[in-house]
Amino acid sequence: MLTPFFLLHSFPAWGSVLNMLRLLLVHGNTFYAVTDKRFMLRSGFLGTDFKTIEFDQVNQIEVNVGPVENLINCGTLRIDSGRTGRRGATVFDNFVGIDDPYTVFKLAKKAMMDVKADINYPNALRPAENPGYKSTYTP
């Protein structure tokens, strides 16, 4: 009678140990990439999962650097691509442990602006001279 009670109430401890084991297995197969058109994520330990987020889908991008991450000069990029959870809360895609996250953030923001400017104002429709935004994106 005491065993089911003990197993049920000790599950948070065992669950956290199992999650740490999962993270150790996933670590060797997790890769992030930022191209001139999209964010890409590869992950998984039983199978390989790929995920891409096109720049035109991104609503917001944030950099979070915690105290431990600050010590080793890395951080987390949080990407809002418009997905919501069950209760309507925003679901973020996280790129964890990124070296020099502020530089990656600046490069990603610039590429996002270039892609969105090209979508809204294609090259054929742009004026010959535009003193505004200087897009260097060439598809």
C-alpha atoms as a PDB file:
ATOM      1  CA  MET A   1       0.000   0.000   0.000  1.00  0.00           C
ATOM      2  CA  LEU A   2       2.841   2.385   0.726  1.00  0.00           C
ATOM      3  CA  THR A   3       4.680   1.637  -2.558  1.00  0.00           C
ATOM      4  CA  PRO A   4       2.123   3.238  -4.978  1.00  0.00           C
ATOM      5  CA  PHE A   5       1.940   6.303  -2.726  1.00  0.00           C
ATOM      6  CA  PHE A   6       5.741   6.575  -2.625  1.00  0.00           C
ATOM      7  CA  LEU A   7       6.078   6.096  -6.421  1.00  0.00           C
ATOM      8  CA  LEU A   8       3.394   8.664  -7.163  1.00  0.00           C
ATOM      9  CA  HIS A   9       4.803  11.339  -4.860  1.00  0.00           C
ATOM     10  CA  SER A  10       8.451  10.776  -5.809  1.00  0.00           C
ATOM     11  CA  PHE A  11       7.682  11.139  -9.530  1.00  0.00           C
ATOM     12  CA  PRO A  12       8.832  14.813  -9.718  1.00  0.00           C
ATOM     13  CA  ALA A  13      12.278  13.753  -8.496  1.00  0.00           C
ATOM     14  CA  TRP A  14      12.515  10.765 -10.848  1.00  0.00           C
ATOM     15  CA  GLY A  15      10.999  12.791 -13.688  1.00  0.00           C
ATOM     16  CA  SER A  16      13.659  15.463 -13.356  1.00  0.00           C
ATOM     17  CA  VAL A  17      16.426  12.814 -13.353  1.00  0.00           C
ATOM     18  CA  LEU A  18      14.945  11.225 -16.478  1.00  0.00           C
ATOM     19  CA  ASN A  19      14.713  14.652 -18.159  1.00  0.00           C
ATOM     20  CA  MET A  20      18.401  15.320 -17.399  1.00  0.00           C
ATOM     21  CA  LEU A  21      19.247  11.954 -18.985  1.00  0.00           C
ATOM     22  CA  ARG A  22      17.174  12.906 -22.048  1.00  0.00           C
ATOM     23  CA  LEU A  23      18.997  16.243 -22.303  1.00  0.00           C
ATOM     24  CA  LEU A  24      22.376  14.474 -22.191  1.00  0.00           C
ATOM     25  CA  LEU A  25      21.284  12.194 -25.045  1.00  0.00           C
ATOM     26  CA  VAL A  26      19.842  15.064 -27.124  1.00  0.00           C
ATOM     27  CA  HIS A  27      22.889  17.317 -26.626  1.00  0.00           C
ATOM     28  CA  GLY A  28      25.076  15.501 -29.167  1.00  0.00           C
ATOM     29  CA  ASN A  29      22.422  15.773 -31.876  1.00  0.00           C
ATOM     30  CA  THR A  30      21.290  19.385 -31.365  1.00  0.00           C
ATOM     31  CA  PHE A  31      22.433  21.976 -33.893  1.00  0.00           C
ATOM     32  CA  TYR A  32      21.188  25.497 -34.618  1.00  0.00           C
ATOM     33  CA  ALA A  33      21.673  27.533 -37.784  1.00  0.00           C
ATOM     34  CA  VAL A  34      20.691  30.996 -38.973  1.00  0.00           C
ATOM     35  CA  THR A  35      20.772  31.447 -42.740  1.00  0.00           C
ATOM     36  CA  ASP A  36      19.875  34.486 -44.819  1.00  0.00           C
ATOM     37  CA  LYS A  37      16.253  33.227 -45.066  1.00  0.00           C
ATOM     38  CA  ARG A  38      15.407  31.147 -41.983  1.00  0.00           C
ATOM     39  CA  PHE A  39      16.227  29.714 -38.579  1.00  0.00           C
ATOM     40  CA  MET A  40      16.914  25.978 -38.547  1.00  0.00           C
ATOM     41  CA  LEU A  41      16.984  23.507 -35.647  1.00  0.00           C
ATOM     42  CA  ARG A  42      18.073  19.868 -35.616  1.00  0.00           C
ATOM     43  CA  SER A  43      17.413  17.796 -32.504  1.00  0.00           C
ATOM     44  CA  GLY A  44      16.341  14.413 -31.139  1.00  0.00           C
ATOM     45  CA  PHE A  45      17.883  11.319 -29.609  1.00  0.00           C
ATOM     46  CA  LEU A  46      15.732   8.434 -30.920  1.00  0.00           C
ATOM     47  CA  GLY A  47      15.132  10.062 -34.288  1.00  0.00           C
ATOM     48  CA  THR A  48      16.361  13.241 -35.889  1.00  0.00           C
ATOM     49  CA  ASP A  49      13.897  16.130 -35.979  1.00  0.00           C
ATOM     50  CA  PHE A  50      14.337  19.186 -38.196  1.00  0.00           C
ATOM     51  CA  LYS A  51      12.470  22.450 -37.758  1.00  0.00           C
ATOM     52  CA  THR A  52      12.671  25.629 -39.806  1.00  0.00           C
ATOM     53  CA  ILE A  53      11.225  29.049 -39.073  1.00  0.00           C
ATOM     54  CA  GLU A  54      11.063  31.369 -42.068  1.00  0.00           C
ATOM     55  CA  PHE A  55      11.960  34.998 -41.344  1.00  0.00           C
ATOM     56  CA  ASP A  56       8.622  36.248 -42.654  1.00  0.00           C
ATOM     57  CA  GLN A  57       6.852  34.140 -39.965  1.00  0.00           C
ATOM     58  CA  VAL A  58       8.821  35.614 -37.062  1.00  0.00           C
ATOM     59  CA  ASN A  59       6.880  38.132 -34.990  1.00  0.00           C
ATOM     60  CA  GLN A  60       9.494  38.768 -32.336  1.00  0.00           C
ATOM     61  CA  ILE A  61      12.982  37.659 -31.341  1.00  0.00           C
ATOM     62  CA  GLU A  62      14.511  38.084 -27.885  1.00  0.00           C
ATOM     63  CA  VAL A  63      17.839  37.396 -26.199  1.00  0.00           C
ATOM     64  CA  ASN A  64      17.850  36.037 -22.663  1.00  0.00           C
ATOM     65  CA  VAL A  65      21.126  35.728 -20.775  1.00  0.00           C
ATOM     66  CA  GLY A  66      20.985  34.289 -17.285  1.00  0.00           C
ATOM     67  CA  PRO A  67      23.690  34.623 -14.633  1.00  0.00           C
ATOM     68  CA  VAL A  68      25.295  31.263 -15.438  1.00  0.00           C
ATOM     69  CA  GLU A  69      25.107  31.913 -19.188  1.00  0.00           C
ATOM     70  CA  ASN A  70      26.699  35.326 -18.636  1.00  0.00           C
ATOM     71  CA  LEU A  71      29.732  33.677 -17.018  1.00  0.00           C
ATOM     72  CA  ILE A  72      30.436  31.620 -20.144  1.00  0.00           C
ATOM     73  CA  ASN A  73      29.367  34.278 -22.702  1.00  0.00           C
ATOM     74  CA  CYS A  74      26.369  32.437 -24.119  1.00  0.00           C
ATOM     75  CA  GLY A  75      22.623  32.953 -24.099  1.00  0.00           C
ATOM     76  CA  THR A  76      19.241  31.894 -25.417  1.00  0.00           C
ATOM     77  CA  LEU A  77      17.461  33.261 -28.486  1.00  0.00           C
ATOM     78  CA  ARG A  78      13.674  33.140 -28.042  1.00  0.00           C
ATOM     79  CA  ILE A  79      11.759  33.229 -31.322  1.00  0.00           C
ATOM     80  CA  ASP A  80       8.028  33.958 -31.555  1.00  0.00           C
ATOM     81  CA  SER A  81       6.700  32.582 -34.828  1.00  0.00           C
ATOM     82  CA  GLY A  82       3.035  33.162 -34.023  1.00  0.00           C
ATOM     83  CA  ARG A  83       2.281  29.725 -32.579  1.00  0.00           C
ATOM     84  CA  THR A  84       0.052  29.511 -29.522  1.00  0.00           C
ATOM     85  CA  GLY A  85      -0.457  26.806 -26.935  1.00  0.00           C
ATOM     86  CA  ARG A  86      -3.630  25.243 -25.630  1.00  0.00           C
ATOM     87  CA  ARG A  87      -4.651  28.244 -23.568  1.00  0.00           C
ATOM     88  CA  GLY A  88      -3.645  30.882 -26.103  1.00  0.00           C
ATOM     89  CA  ALA A  89      -0.205  31.537 -24.638  1.00  0.00           C
ATOM     90  CA  THR A  90       2.637  32.248 -27.060  1.00  0.00           C
ATOM     91  CA  VAL A  91       4.916  29.289 -27.748  1.00  0.00           C
ATOM     92  CA  PHE A  92       8.553  30.304 -28.184  1.00  0.00           C
ATOM     93  CA  ASP A  93      11.205  28.347 -30.050  1.00  0.00           C
ATOM     94  CA  ASN A  94      14.402  28.506 -28.004  1.00  0.00           C
ATOM     95  CA  PHE A  95      17.944  28.317 -29.309  1.00  0.00           C
ATOM     96  CA  VAL A  96      19.796  27.524 -26.070  1.00  0.00           C
ATOM     97  CA  GLY A  97      23.510  27.990 -25.377  1.00  0.00           C
ATOM     98  CA  ILE A  98      24.319  30.286 -28.308  1.00  0.00           C
ATOM     99  CA  ASP A  99      27.849  31.756 -28.245  1.00  0.00           C
ATOM    100  CA  ASP A 100      27.878  35.566 -28.379  1.00  0.00           C
ATOM    101  CA  PRO A 101      24.060  35.824 -28.483  1.00  0.00           C
ATOM    102  CA  TYR A 102      23.889  39.598 -28.984  1.00  0.00           C
ATOM    103  CA  THR A 103      25.900  39.430 -32.216  1.00  0.00           C
ATOM    104  CA  VAL A 104      23.724  36.567 -33.500  1.00  0.00           C
ATOM    105  CA  PHE A 105      20.645  38.580 -32.518  1.00  0.00           C
ATOM    106  CA  LYS A 106      21.830  41.651 -34.475  1.00  0.00           C
ATOM    107  CA  LEU A 107      22.666  39.578 -37.569  1.00  0.00           C
ATOM    108  CA  ALA A 108      19.319  37.764 -37.428  1.00  0.00           C
ATOM    109  CA  LYS A 109      17.379  41.025 -37.001  1.00  0.00           C
ATOM    110  CA  LYS A 110      19.153  42.560 -39.996  1.00  0.00           C
ATOM    111  CA  ALA A 111      18.468  39.504 -42.157  1.00  0.00           C
ATOM    112  CA  MET A 112      14.821  39.502 -41.033  1.00  0.00           C
ATOM    113  CA  MET A 113      14.442  43.173 -41.982  1.00  0.00           C
ATOM    114  CA  ASP A 114      16.071  42.518 -45.380  1.00  0.00           C
ATOM    115  CA  VAL A 115      13.728  39.618 -46.146  1.00  0.00           C
ATOM    116  CA  LYS A 116      10.603  41.458 -44.979  1.00  0.00           C
ATOM    117  CA  ALA A 117      11.602  44.581 -46.942  1.00  0.00           C
ATOM    118  CA  ASP A 118      12.110  42.444 -50.054  1.00  0.00           C
ATOM    119  CA  ILE A 119       8.676  40.836 -49.611  1.00  0.00           C
ATOM    120  CA  ASN A 120       6.909  44.180 -49.083  1.00  0.00           C
ATOM    121  CA  TYR A 121       8.923  46.074 -51.696  1.00  0.00           C
ATOM    122  CA  PRO A 122      10.246  43.686 -54.365  1.00  0.00           C
ATOM    123  CA  ASN A 123      13.274  44.846 -56.363  1.00  0.00           C
ATOM    124  CA  ALA A 124      11.180  45.566 -59.466  1.00  0.00           C
ATOM    125  CA  LEU A 125       8.915  47.935 -57.503  1.00  0.00           C
ATOM    126  CA  ARG A 126      11.607  49.767 -55.529  1.00  0.00           C
ATOM    127  CA  PRO A 127      12.445  53.288 -56.563  1.00  0.00           C
ATOM    128  CA  ALA A 128      15.841  53.774 -58.235  1.00  0.00           C
ATOM    129  CA  GLU A 129      16.978  55.809 -55.271  1.00  0.00           C
ATOM    130  CA  ASN A 130      15.681  55.234 -51.757  1.00  0.00           C
ATOM    131  CA  PRO A 131      17.202  57.209 -48.883  1.00  0.00           C
ATOM    132  CA  GLY A 132      15.290  55.030 -46.369  1.00  0.00           C
ATOM    133  CA  TYR A 133      16.124  51.472 -45.409  1.00  0.00           C
ATOM    134  CA  LYS A 134      19.281  50.135 -47.067  1.00  0.00           C
ATOM    135  CA  SER A 135      18.540  46.465 -47.810  1.00  0.00           C
ATOM    136  CA  THR A 136      21.440  44.356 -49.015  1.00  0.00           C
ATOM    137  CA  TYR A 137      19.350  41.222 -49.472  1.00  0.00           C
ATOM    138  CA  THR A 138      19.683  39.624 -52.912  1.00  0.00           C
ATOM    139  CA  PRO A 139      17.625  36.468 -53.465  1.00  0.00           C
END
